[in-house]
């Protein structure tokens, strides 16, 4: 990044957390570069492809990444200073929306574990894309589900459902099925 140039959030472009490891960074780059590559007519986007390449080029070397991280922290601090958090920023329907997001994540990870028990992990940016939410919002969902013991991180830096998560999905499915039976049952 050139001095005096407008700040670019390379982590945001690659859809990864700033504290992600090198494997996660590279996996995100490969996935997004492949998706936006001009050779894929369904998802081609040369502007996004070039942004992904530039972001990875600036983060792939540890020394370049360390320099960028200093700028990133300074920029994040400046943003935080300019926009103080509002006490009323959480809407009344946020808990319901969060619950729906948690259910989507768990169902996706449950499906992945059932289909591929030996490789049950899913990269976080796939799940973030599924939810179409901000990085901060996604981090909240991951924190909550990890804290409940429903998901865990794999050695490859992916997310996978745990036994507790599978039990929770089964319980949710049974509750939903029972509710549907009650709705469908005619009153006497």
N, C-alpha and C. Protein backbone atom coordinates (compact mmCIF):
# COMPACT_ATOMS: atom_id res chain seq x y z
N UNK A 1 0.84 -1.18 0.00
CA UNK A 1 0.00 0.00 0.00
C UNK A 1 0.89 1.24 0.00
N UNK A 2 0.61 2.18 -0.87
CA UNK A 2 1.41 3.39 -1.03
C UNK A 2 0.99 4.44 0.00
N UNK A 3 1.99 5.12 0.58
CA UNK A 3 1.73 6.17 1.56
C UNK A 3 0.83 7.24 0.95
N UNK A 4 -0.15 7.72 1.70
CA UNK A 4 -1.07 8.75 1.22
C UNK A 4 -2.24 8.20 0.44
N UNK A 5 -2.19 6.94 0.10
CA UNK A 5 -3.27 6.31 -0.64
C UNK A 5 -4.41 5.98 0.32
N UNK A 6 -5.64 5.96 -0.17
CA UNK A 6 -6.79 5.62 0.67
C UNK A 6 -6.62 4.21 1.23
N UNK A 7 -6.99 4.02 2.49
CA UNK A 7 -6.86 2.72 3.14
C UNK A 7 -7.77 1.70 2.48
N UNK A 8 -7.23 0.50 2.23
CA UNK A 8 -7.99 -0.61 1.65
C UNK A 8 -7.99 -1.76 2.64
N UNK A 9 -9.16 -2.27 2.96
CA UNK A 9 -9.28 -3.38 3.91
C UNK A 9 -9.07 -4.70 3.16
N UNK A 10 -7.82 -5.15 3.14
CA UNK A 10 -7.49 -6.39 2.44
C UNK A 10 -8.12 -7.60 3.10
N UNK A 11 -8.24 -7.57 4.41
CA UNK A 11 -8.89 -8.68 5.09
C UNK A 11 -10.36 -8.77 4.71
N UNK A 12 -11.00 -7.63 4.59
CA UNK A 12 -12.40 -7.60 4.17
C UNK A 12 -12.57 -8.13 2.75
N UNK A 13 -11.66 -7.76 1.88
CA UNK A 13 -11.71 -8.24 0.49
C UNK A 13 -11.59 -9.76 0.44
N UNK A 14 -10.68 -10.32 1.27
CA UNK A 14 -10.47 -11.76 1.28
C UNK A 14 -11.45 -12.49 2.21
N UNK A 15 -12.29 -11.72 2.91
CA UNK A 15 -13.33 -12.26 3.78
C UNK A 15 -12.75 -13.16 4.88
N UNK A 16 -11.65 -12.70 5.48
CA UNK A 16 -11.03 -13.42 6.57
C UNK A 16 -10.83 -12.48 7.75
N UNK A 17 -10.61 -13.06 8.91
CA UNK A 17 -10.31 -12.28 10.10
C UNK A 17 -8.85 -11.84 10.05
N UNK A 18 -8.53 -10.69 10.64
CA UNK A 18 -7.15 -10.23 10.65
C UNK A 18 -6.20 -11.18 11.39
N UNK A 19 -6.71 -11.99 12.29
CA UNK A 19 -5.84 -12.90 13.03
C UNK A 19 -5.81 -14.32 12.43
N UNK A 20 -6.32 -14.46 11.20
CA UNK A 20 -6.32 -15.79 10.57
C UNK A 20 -4.89 -16.24 10.28
N UNK A 21 -4.72 -17.54 10.18
CA UNK A 21 -3.38 -18.06 9.88
C UNK A 21 -3.14 -18.03 8.36
N UNK A 22 -1.91 -18.37 7.98
CA UNK A 22 -1.51 -18.32 6.57
C UNK A 22 -2.33 -19.28 5.72
N UNK A 23 -2.66 -20.46 6.26
CA UNK A 23 -3.46 -21.43 5.50
C UNK A 23 -4.83 -20.87 5.16
N UNK A 24 -5.48 -20.24 6.14
CA UNK A 24 -6.80 -19.66 5.93
C UNK A 24 -6.72 -18.54 4.90
N UNK A 25 -5.69 -17.71 5.00
CA UNK A 25 -5.50 -16.61 4.06
C UNK A 25 -5.36 -17.14 2.64
N UNK A 26 -4.53 -18.16 2.48
CA UNK A 26 -4.31 -18.74 1.16
C UNK A 26 -5.57 -19.43 0.63
N UNK A 27 -6.29 -20.13 1.51
CA UNK A 27 -7.52 -20.82 1.09
C UNK A 27 -8.57 -19.82 0.62
N UNK A 28 -8.69 -18.72 1.36
CA UNK A 28 -9.64 -17.68 0.97
C UNK A 28 -9.25 -17.09 -0.38
N UNK A 29 -7.96 -16.81 -0.54
CA UNK A 29 -7.47 -16.26 -1.80
C UNK A 29 -7.78 -17.21 -2.97
N UNK A 30 -7.44 -18.47 -2.81
CA UNK A 30 -7.65 -19.44 -3.90
C UNK A 30 -9.13 -19.55 -4.25
N UNK A 31 -9.97 -19.62 -3.25
CA UNK A 31 -11.41 -19.73 -3.49
C UNK A 31 -11.95 -18.52 -4.23
N UNK A 32 -11.64 -17.32 -3.72
CA UNK A 32 -12.18 -16.10 -4.33
C UNK A 32 -11.57 -15.83 -5.70
N UNK A 33 -10.27 -16.07 -5.85
CA UNK A 33 -9.64 -15.87 -7.16
C UNK A 33 -10.26 -16.81 -8.20
N UNK A 34 -10.51 -18.03 -7.81
CA UNK A 34 -11.13 -18.98 -8.73
C UNK A 34 -12.56 -18.55 -9.07
N UNK A 35 -13.30 -18.10 -8.04
CA UNK A 35 -14.68 -17.71 -8.26
C UNK A 35 -14.78 -16.50 -9.20
N UNK A 36 -13.95 -15.49 -8.99
CA UNK A 36 -14.04 -14.26 -9.78
C UNK A 36 -13.20 -14.28 -11.06
N UNK A 37 -12.46 -15.34 -11.28
CA UNK A 37 -11.59 -15.42 -12.46
C UNK A 37 -12.41 -15.30 -13.74
N UNK A 38 -11.89 -14.58 -14.73
CA UNK A 38 -12.61 -14.40 -16.01
C UNK A 38 -12.95 -15.70 -16.73
N UNK A 39 -12.27 -16.79 -16.42
CA UNK A 39 -12.56 -18.08 -17.06
C UNK A 39 -13.85 -18.73 -16.55
N UNK A 40 -14.44 -18.19 -15.50
CA UNK A 40 -15.68 -18.74 -14.94
C UNK A 40 -16.83 -17.78 -15.26
N UNK A 41 -17.51 -17.97 -16.38
CA UNK A 41 -18.51 -17.01 -16.84
C UNK A 41 -19.66 -16.77 -15.85
N UNK A 42 -20.01 -17.77 -15.04
CA UNK A 42 -21.14 -17.61 -14.12
C UNK A 42 -20.82 -16.63 -12.99
N UNK A 43 -19.56 -16.60 -12.55
CA UNK A 43 -19.19 -15.77 -11.40
C UNK A 43 -18.08 -14.78 -11.70
N UNK A 44 -17.68 -14.65 -12.96
CA UNK A 44 -16.56 -13.78 -13.32
C UNK A 44 -16.81 -12.33 -12.94
N UNK A 45 -15.79 -11.71 -12.38
CA UNK A 45 -15.83 -10.30 -12.03
C UNK A 45 -14.38 -9.82 -11.97
N UNK A 46 -13.92 -9.21 -13.05
CA UNK A 46 -12.51 -8.84 -13.13
C UNK A 46 -12.10 -7.81 -12.08
N UNK A 47 -13.01 -6.92 -11.71
CA UNK A 47 -12.69 -5.93 -10.68
C UNK A 47 -12.43 -6.63 -9.35
N UNK A 48 -13.34 -7.52 -8.97
CA UNK A 48 -13.17 -8.25 -7.70
C UNK A 48 -11.96 -9.18 -7.78
N UNK A 49 -11.75 -9.80 -8.93
CA UNK A 49 -10.59 -10.67 -9.10
C UNK A 49 -9.31 -9.89 -8.85
N UNK A 50 -9.19 -8.71 -9.45
CA UNK A 50 -8.00 -7.88 -9.27
C UNK A 50 -7.84 -7.43 -7.82
N UNK A 51 -8.95 -7.13 -7.14
CA UNK A 51 -8.89 -6.74 -5.73
C UNK A 51 -8.38 -7.91 -4.87
N UNK A 52 -8.87 -9.11 -5.16
CA UNK A 52 -8.44 -10.30 -4.41
C UNK A 52 -6.95 -10.55 -4.62
N UNK A 53 -6.50 -10.44 -5.85
CA UNK A 53 -5.08 -10.66 -6.15
C UNK A 53 -4.22 -9.61 -5.42
N UNK A 54 -4.64 -8.35 -5.48
CA UNK A 54 -3.89 -7.28 -4.80
C UNK A 54 -3.87 -7.52 -3.28
N UNK A 55 -5.00 -7.89 -2.71
CA UNK A 55 -5.07 -8.13 -1.27
C UNK A 55 -4.11 -9.25 -0.86
N UNK A 56 -4.15 -10.34 -1.60
CA UNK A 56 -3.28 -11.47 -1.26
C UNK A 56 -1.80 -11.10 -1.45
N UNK A 57 -1.52 -10.38 -2.50
CA UNK A 57 -0.14 -9.96 -2.78
C UNK A 57 0.40 -9.12 -1.61
N UNK A 58 -0.46 -8.32 -0.99
CA UNK A 58 -0.03 -7.46 0.11
C UNK A 58 -0.01 -8.16 1.46
N UNK A 59 -0.60 -9.33 1.56
CA UNK A 59 -0.68 -10.03 2.86
C UNK A 59 0.09 -11.35 2.90
N UNK A 60 0.53 -11.87 1.76
CA UNK A 60 1.10 -13.22 1.74
C UNK A 60 2.46 -13.33 2.41
N UNK A 61 3.28 -12.28 2.34
CA UNK A 61 4.60 -12.31 2.98
C UNK A 61 4.47 -11.79 4.42
N UNK A 62 5.02 -12.54 5.38
CA UNK A 62 4.86 -12.15 6.78
C UNK A 62 5.29 -10.72 7.10
N UNK A 63 6.40 -10.26 6.50
CA UNK A 63 6.86 -8.90 6.80
C UNK A 63 5.91 -7.85 6.21
N UNK A 64 5.39 -8.10 5.02
CA UNK A 64 4.42 -7.18 4.42
C UNK A 64 3.13 -7.16 5.23
N UNK A 65 2.72 -8.34 5.68
CA UNK A 65 1.50 -8.44 6.47
C UNK A 65 1.66 -7.71 7.80
N UNK A 66 2.81 -7.84 8.43
CA UNK A 66 3.06 -7.15 9.71
C UNK A 66 2.98 -5.63 9.53
N UNK A 67 3.54 -5.13 8.44
CA UNK A 67 3.46 -3.69 8.16
C UNK A 67 2.01 -3.26 7.91
N UNK A 68 1.29 -4.07 7.15
CA UNK A 68 -0.11 -3.76 6.86
C UNK A 68 -0.93 -3.80 8.15
N UNK A 69 -0.66 -4.77 9.02
CA UNK A 69 -1.42 -4.90 10.26
C UNK A 69 -1.32 -3.64 11.12
N UNK A 70 -0.17 -2.96 11.10
CA UNK A 70 -0.02 -1.70 11.83
C UNK A 70 -0.98 -0.65 11.27
N UNK A 71 -1.00 -0.54 9.95
CA UNK A 71 -1.93 0.40 9.30
C UNK A 71 -3.38 0.01 9.57
N UNK A 72 -3.65 -1.28 9.53
CA UNK A 72 -5.00 -1.78 9.77
C UNK A 72 -5.49 -1.39 11.17
N UNK A 73 -4.64 -1.61 12.18
CA UNK A 73 -5.01 -1.26 13.56
C UNK A 73 -5.22 0.24 13.70
N UNK A 74 -4.34 1.04 13.08
CA UNK A 74 -4.49 2.50 13.15
C UNK A 74 -5.80 2.93 12.50
N UNK A 75 -6.11 2.34 11.36
CA UNK A 75 -7.35 2.69 10.65
C UNK A 75 -8.57 2.29 11.47
N UNK A 76 -8.54 1.09 12.04
CA UNK A 76 -9.67 0.61 12.85
C UNK A 76 -9.86 1.51 14.07
N UNK A 77 -8.75 1.96 14.67
CA UNK A 77 -8.82 2.84 15.83
C UNK A 77 -9.44 4.18 15.43
N UNK A 78 -9.04 4.71 14.28
CA UNK A 78 -9.59 5.97 13.78
C UNK A 78 -11.08 5.84 13.54
N UNK A 79 -11.51 4.75 12.92
CA UNK A 79 -12.93 4.52 12.69
C UNK A 79 -13.69 4.44 14.00
N UNK A 80 -13.12 3.77 14.99
CA UNK A 80 -13.79 3.62 16.29
C UNK A 80 -13.91 4.98 16.97
N UNK A 81 -12.89 5.84 16.82
CA UNK A 81 -12.94 7.17 17.42
C UNK A 81 -13.99 8.05 16.76
N UNK A 82 -14.20 7.89 15.47
CA UNK A 82 -15.13 8.73 14.72
C UNK A 82 -16.58 8.32 14.92
N UNK A 83 -16.84 7.04 15.16
CA UNK A 83 -18.21 6.57 15.29
C UNK A 83 -18.40 5.87 16.64
N UNK A 84 -18.79 6.65 17.65
CA UNK A 84 -18.99 6.03 18.96
C UNK A 84 -20.19 5.08 18.91
N UNK A 85 -20.09 3.96 19.64
CA UNK A 85 -21.18 3.01 19.62
C UNK A 85 -22.43 3.58 20.27
N UNK A 86 -23.56 3.25 19.70
CA UNK A 86 -24.84 3.69 20.22
C UNK A 86 -25.43 2.60 21.11
N UNK A 87 -25.99 2.99 22.24
CA UNK A 87 -26.58 2.01 23.15
C UNK A 87 -27.82 1.38 22.53
N UNK A 88 -28.47 2.07 21.62
CA UNK A 88 -29.71 1.59 21.02
C UNK A 88 -29.49 0.95 19.66
N UNK A 89 -28.24 0.56 19.34
CA UNK A 89 -27.95 0.08 17.99
C UNK A 89 -28.47 -1.32 17.71
N UNK A 90 -28.84 -2.10 18.72
CA UNK A 90 -29.36 -3.44 18.50
C UNK A 90 -30.87 -3.36 18.38
N UNK A 91 -31.40 -3.85 17.27
CA UNK A 91 -32.83 -3.78 17.05
C UNK A 91 -33.55 -4.85 17.87
N UNK A 92 -34.86 -4.67 18.01
CA UNK A 92 -35.66 -5.61 18.80
C UNK A 92 -35.70 -7.01 18.19
N UNK A 93 -35.56 -7.09 16.86
CA UNK A 93 -35.63 -8.41 16.23
C UNK A 93 -34.25 -9.07 16.08
N UNK A 94 -33.20 -8.42 16.61
CA UNK A 94 -31.84 -8.98 16.50
C UNK A 94 -31.73 -10.38 17.09
N UNK A 95 -32.30 -10.65 18.27
CA UNK A 95 -32.19 -12.02 18.80
C UNK A 95 -32.83 -13.07 17.89
N UNK A 96 -33.93 -12.74 17.26
CA UNK A 96 -34.59 -13.69 16.35
C UNK A 96 -33.74 -13.90 15.11
N UNK A 97 -33.20 -12.81 14.56
CA UNK A 97 -32.32 -12.91 13.40
C UNK A 97 -31.06 -13.69 13.73
N UNK A 98 -30.51 -13.47 14.92
CA UNK A 98 -29.32 -14.22 15.34
C UNK A 98 -29.64 -15.70 15.48
N UNK A 99 -30.79 -16.00 16.03
CA UNK A 99 -31.19 -17.40 16.18
C UNK A 99 -31.31 -18.08 14.82
N UNK A 100 -31.87 -17.37 13.86
CA UNK A 100 -31.98 -17.91 12.50
C UNK A 100 -30.59 -18.14 11.90
N UNK A 101 -29.68 -17.21 12.13
CA UNK A 101 -28.32 -17.35 11.61
C UNK A 101 -27.63 -18.55 12.24
N UNK A 102 -27.80 -18.72 13.54
CA UNK A 102 -27.18 -19.87 14.23
C UNK A 102 -27.73 -21.18 13.66
N UNK A 103 -29.03 -21.20 13.41
CA UNK A 103 -29.65 -22.41 12.84
C UNK A 103 -29.09 -22.70 11.45
N UNK A 104 -28.93 -21.68 10.63
CA UNK A 104 -28.37 -21.88 9.28
C UNK A 104 -26.96 -22.43 9.34
N UNK A 105 -26.15 -21.85 10.22
CA UNK A 105 -24.76 -22.32 10.36
C UNK A 105 -24.74 -23.78 10.80
N UNK A 106 -25.51 -24.09 11.83
CA UNK A 106 -25.51 -25.46 12.35
C UNK A 106 -26.03 -26.45 11.32
N UNK A 107 -27.08 -26.10 10.60
CA UNK A 107 -27.61 -27.01 9.58
C UNK A 107 -26.60 -27.24 8.47
N UNK A 108 -25.88 -26.18 8.06
CA UNK A 108 -24.87 -26.33 7.02
C UNK A 108 -23.72 -27.23 7.49
N UNK A 109 -23.28 -27.02 8.72
CA UNK A 109 -22.19 -27.84 9.26
C UNK A 109 -22.64 -29.27 9.53
N UNK A 110 -23.89 -29.44 9.92
CA UNK A 110 -24.45 -30.78 10.13
C UNK A 110 -24.46 -31.54 8.80
N UNK A 111 -24.93 -30.85 7.76
CA UNK A 111 -24.98 -31.47 6.42
C UNK A 111 -23.57 -31.85 5.97
N UNK A 112 -22.62 -30.97 6.18
CA UNK A 112 -21.23 -31.24 5.78
C UNK A 112 -20.68 -32.46 6.53
N UNK A 113 -20.93 -32.54 7.83
CA UNK A 113 -20.43 -33.67 8.63
C UNK A 113 -21.07 -34.97 8.16
N UNK A 114 -22.36 -34.95 7.83
CA UNK A 114 -23.04 -36.16 7.36
C UNK A 114 -22.51 -36.61 6.01
N UNK A 115 -22.22 -35.65 5.14
CA UNK A 115 -21.77 -35.98 3.78
C UNK A 115 -20.29 -36.33 3.72
N UNK A 116 -19.50 -35.81 4.66
CA UNK A 116 -18.05 -36.01 4.61
C UNK A 116 -17.50 -36.09 6.03
N UNK A 117 -17.74 -37.21 6.70
CA UNK A 117 -17.38 -37.36 8.11
C UNK A 117 -15.89 -37.24 8.36
N UNK A 118 -15.06 -37.57 7.39
CA UNK A 118 -13.60 -37.50 7.59
C UNK A 118 -13.03 -36.12 7.33
N UNK A 119 -13.81 -35.25 6.69
CA UNK A 119 -13.37 -33.88 6.43
C UNK A 119 -14.58 -32.97 6.64
N UNK A 120 -15.00 -32.76 7.90
CA UNK A 120 -16.26 -32.07 8.17
C UNK A 120 -16.18 -30.56 8.19
N UNK A 121 -14.99 -30.00 8.00
CA UNK A 121 -14.83 -28.56 8.15
C UNK A 121 -15.31 -27.75 6.96
N UNK A 122 -15.73 -26.53 7.27
CA UNK A 122 -16.16 -25.56 6.25
C UNK A 122 -15.44 -24.26 6.57
N UNK A 123 -14.87 -23.63 5.56
CA UNK A 123 -14.19 -22.35 5.75
C UNK A 123 -15.21 -21.29 6.20
N UNK A 124 -14.77 -20.45 7.11
CA UNK A 124 -15.65 -19.44 7.66
C UNK A 124 -16.25 -18.51 6.63
N UNK A 125 -15.50 -18.17 5.60
CA UNK A 125 -16.06 -17.23 4.63
C UNK A 125 -17.21 -17.84 3.83
N UNK A 126 -17.27 -19.18 3.69
CA UNK A 126 -18.43 -19.81 3.06
C UNK A 126 -19.67 -19.57 3.92
N UNK A 127 -19.50 -19.73 5.23
CA UNK A 127 -20.63 -19.54 6.14
C UNK A 127 -21.03 -18.07 6.21
N UNK A 128 -20.04 -17.19 6.21
CA UNK A 128 -20.33 -15.75 6.21
C UNK A 128 -21.09 -15.36 4.95
N UNK A 129 -20.71 -15.96 3.83
CA UNK A 129 -21.40 -15.72 2.57
C UNK A 129 -22.84 -16.25 2.62
N UNK A 130 -23.03 -17.40 3.24
CA UNK A 130 -24.36 -17.97 3.41
C UNK A 130 -25.27 -17.02 4.17
N UNK A 131 -24.72 -16.37 5.20
CA UNK A 131 -25.51 -15.46 6.02
C UNK A 131 -25.60 -14.06 5.44
N UNK A 132 -24.66 -13.71 4.57
CA UNK A 132 -24.59 -12.37 3.99
C UNK A 132 -24.57 -11.32 5.11
N UNK A 133 -23.62 -11.48 6.04
CA UNK A 133 -23.53 -10.57 7.17
C UNK A 133 -22.14 -9.95 7.26
N UNK A 134 -22.00 -8.99 8.15
CA UNK A 134 -20.71 -8.33 8.34
C UNK A 134 -19.75 -9.27 9.06
N UNK A 135 -18.47 -8.92 9.00
CA UNK A 135 -17.44 -9.70 9.69
C UNK A 135 -17.69 -9.72 11.19
N UNK A 136 -18.05 -8.56 11.76
CA UNK A 136 -18.30 -8.47 13.20
C UNK A 136 -19.49 -9.32 13.60
N UNK A 137 -20.55 -9.28 12.79
CA UNK A 137 -21.74 -10.08 13.07
C UNK A 137 -21.41 -11.56 12.99
N UNK A 138 -20.64 -11.94 11.98
CA UNK A 138 -20.25 -13.35 11.84
C UNK A 138 -19.40 -13.79 13.02
N UNK A 139 -18.48 -12.93 13.45
CA UNK A 139 -17.63 -13.24 14.61
C UNK A 139 -18.49 -13.48 15.85
N UNK A 140 -19.56 -12.71 16.00
CA UNK A 140 -20.47 -12.91 17.13
C UNK A 140 -21.10 -14.30 17.07
N UNK A 141 -21.58 -14.69 15.88
CA UNK A 141 -22.22 -16.00 15.73
C UNK A 141 -21.24 -17.13 16.04
N UNK A 142 -20.01 -17.01 15.53
CA UNK A 142 -19.01 -18.04 15.78
C UNK A 142 -18.68 -18.11 17.27
N UNK A 143 -18.49 -16.95 17.89
CA UNK A 143 -18.21 -16.92 19.33
C UNK A 143 -19.32 -17.63 20.11
N UNK A 144 -20.57 -17.29 19.80
CA UNK A 144 -21.70 -17.87 20.52
C UNK A 144 -21.74 -19.40 20.34
N UNK A 145 -21.66 -19.85 19.10
CA UNK A 145 -21.76 -21.29 18.84
C UNK A 145 -20.58 -22.06 19.41
N UNK A 146 -19.39 -21.47 19.40
CA UNK A 146 -18.23 -22.12 20.03
C UNK A 146 -18.41 -22.17 21.55
N UNK A 147 -18.88 -21.06 22.12
CA UNK A 147 -19.07 -21.01 23.57
C UNK A 147 -20.10 -22.02 24.04
N UNK A 148 -21.13 -22.25 23.25
CA UNK A 148 -22.15 -23.24 23.59
C UNK A 148 -21.63 -24.66 23.37
N UNK A 149 -20.51 -24.80 22.68
CA UNK A 149 -19.95 -26.13 22.40
C UNK A 149 -20.56 -26.78 21.18
N UNK A 150 -21.26 -26.00 20.34
CA UNK A 150 -21.92 -26.54 19.16
C UNK A 150 -20.99 -26.66 17.95
N UNK A 151 -19.97 -25.80 17.89
CA UNK A 151 -19.00 -25.86 16.80
C UNK A 151 -17.60 -25.75 17.37
N UNK A 152 -16.62 -26.11 16.53
CA UNK A 152 -15.22 -26.02 16.93
C UNK A 152 -14.38 -25.71 15.69
N UNK A 153 -13.17 -25.25 15.94
CA UNK A 153 -12.23 -25.02 14.85
C UNK A 153 -11.46 -26.30 14.58
N UNK A 154 -11.18 -26.56 13.31
CA UNK A 154 -10.40 -27.74 12.93
C UNK A 154 -8.93 -27.36 12.81
N UNK A 155 -8.08 -28.35 12.64
CA UNK A 155 -6.65 -28.08 12.46
C UNK A 155 -6.37 -27.29 11.19
N UNK A 156 -7.27 -27.39 10.21
CA UNK A 156 -7.10 -26.68 8.94
C UNK A 156 -7.66 -25.26 9.01
N UNK A 157 -8.14 -24.83 10.17
CA UNK A 157 -8.67 -23.48 10.31
C UNK A 157 -10.11 -23.36 9.85
N UNK A 158 -10.80 -24.47 9.72
CA UNK A 158 -12.19 -24.47 9.30
C UNK A 158 -13.08 -24.62 10.53
N UNK A 159 -14.38 -24.53 10.32
CA UNK A 159 -15.35 -24.74 11.40
C UNK A 159 -16.07 -26.05 11.16
N UNK A 160 -16.36 -26.78 12.24
CA UNK A 160 -17.05 -28.05 12.15
C UNK A 160 -18.02 -28.18 13.32
N UNK A 161 -19.08 -28.91 13.10
CA UNK A 161 -20.08 -29.13 14.16
C UNK A 161 -19.56 -30.19 15.13
N UNK A 162 -19.91 -30.04 16.39
CA UNK A 162 -19.51 -30.99 17.43
C UNK A 162 -20.66 -31.96 17.71
N UNK A 163 -20.42 -32.90 18.61
CA UNK A 163 -21.48 -33.83 19.01
C UNK A 163 -22.64 -33.05 19.64
N UNK A 164 -22.32 -32.07 20.48
CA UNK A 164 -23.36 -31.25 21.08
C UNK A 164 -24.15 -30.50 20.00
N UNK A 165 -23.45 -30.05 18.97
CA UNK A 165 -24.12 -29.36 17.87
C UNK A 165 -25.05 -30.28 17.11
N UNK A 166 -24.61 -31.51 16.87
CA UNK A 166 -25.46 -32.49 16.18
C UNK A 166 -26.71 -32.76 17.02
N UNK A 167 -26.51 -32.97 18.33
CA UNK A 167 -27.66 -33.20 19.21
C UNK A 167 -28.63 -32.02 19.19
N UNK A 168 -28.08 -30.80 19.14
CA UNK A 168 -28.93 -29.60 19.09
C UNK A 168 -29.73 -29.54 17.78
N UNK A 169 -29.08 -29.86 16.67
CA UNK A 169 -29.78 -29.87 15.38
C UNK A 169 -30.91 -30.90 15.39
N UNK A 170 -30.63 -32.08 15.92
CA UNK A 170 -31.66 -33.12 16.00
C UNK A 170 -32.82 -32.66 16.88
N UNK A 171 -32.50 -32.05 18.01
CA UNK A 171 -33.53 -31.53 18.91
C UNK A 171 -34.37 -30.46 18.23
N UNK A 172 -33.70 -29.54 17.49
CA UNK A 172 -34.42 -28.49 16.75
C UNK A 172 -35.35 -29.11 15.73
N UNK A 173 -34.86 -30.13 15.02
CA UNK A 173 -35.65 -30.78 13.97
C UNK A 173 -36.88 -31.47 14.57
N UNK A 174 -36.70 -32.12 15.71
CA UNK A 174 -37.84 -32.78 16.37
C UNK A 174 -38.87 -31.76 16.82
N UNK A 175 -38.41 -30.66 17.39
CA UNK A 175 -39.32 -29.61 17.84
C UNK A 175 -40.09 -29.02 16.67
N UNK A 176 -39.40 -28.76 15.57
CA UNK A 176 -40.05 -28.21 14.38
C UNK A 176 -41.08 -29.19 13.83
N UNK A 177 -40.73 -30.47 13.78
CA UNK A 177 -41.66 -31.49 13.29
C UNK A 177 -42.89 -31.58 14.18
N UNK A 178 -42.70 -31.53 15.50
CA UNK A 178 -43.83 -31.59 16.43
C UNK A 178 -44.73 -30.37 16.27
N UNK A 179 -44.12 -29.19 16.09
CA UNK A 179 -44.92 -27.97 15.89
C UNK A 179 -45.73 -28.05 14.61
N UNK A 180 -45.14 -28.59 13.56
CA UNK A 180 -45.86 -28.72 12.29
C UNK A 180 -47.02 -29.69 12.42
N UNK A 181 -46.86 -30.76 13.19
CA UNK A 181 -47.96 -31.70 13.42
C UNK A 181 -49.10 -31.03 14.18
N UNK A 182 -48.75 -30.21 15.17
CA UNK A 182 -49.78 -29.51 15.92
C UNK A 182 -50.53 -28.52 15.04
N UNK A 183 -49.82 -27.84 14.16
CA UNK A 183 -50.45 -26.88 13.26
C UNK A 183 -51.38 -27.60 12.27
N UNK A 184 -50.91 -28.73 11.77
CA UNK A 184 -51.69 -29.48 10.77
C UNK A 184 -52.87 -30.23 11.37
N UNK A 185 -52.82 -30.53 12.65
CA UNK A 185 -53.87 -31.31 13.30
C UNK A 185 -55.14 -30.48 13.42
N UNK A 186 -56.26 -30.98 12.88
CA UNK A 186 -57.53 -30.23 12.98
C UNK A 186 -58.07 -30.29 14.42
N UNK A 187 -58.69 -29.19 14.82
CA UNK A 187 -59.27 -29.15 16.16
C UNK A 187 -60.57 -29.95 16.16
N UNK A 188 -60.84 -30.61 17.30
CA UNK A 188 -62.08 -31.39 17.43
C UNK A 188 -63.22 -30.52 17.88
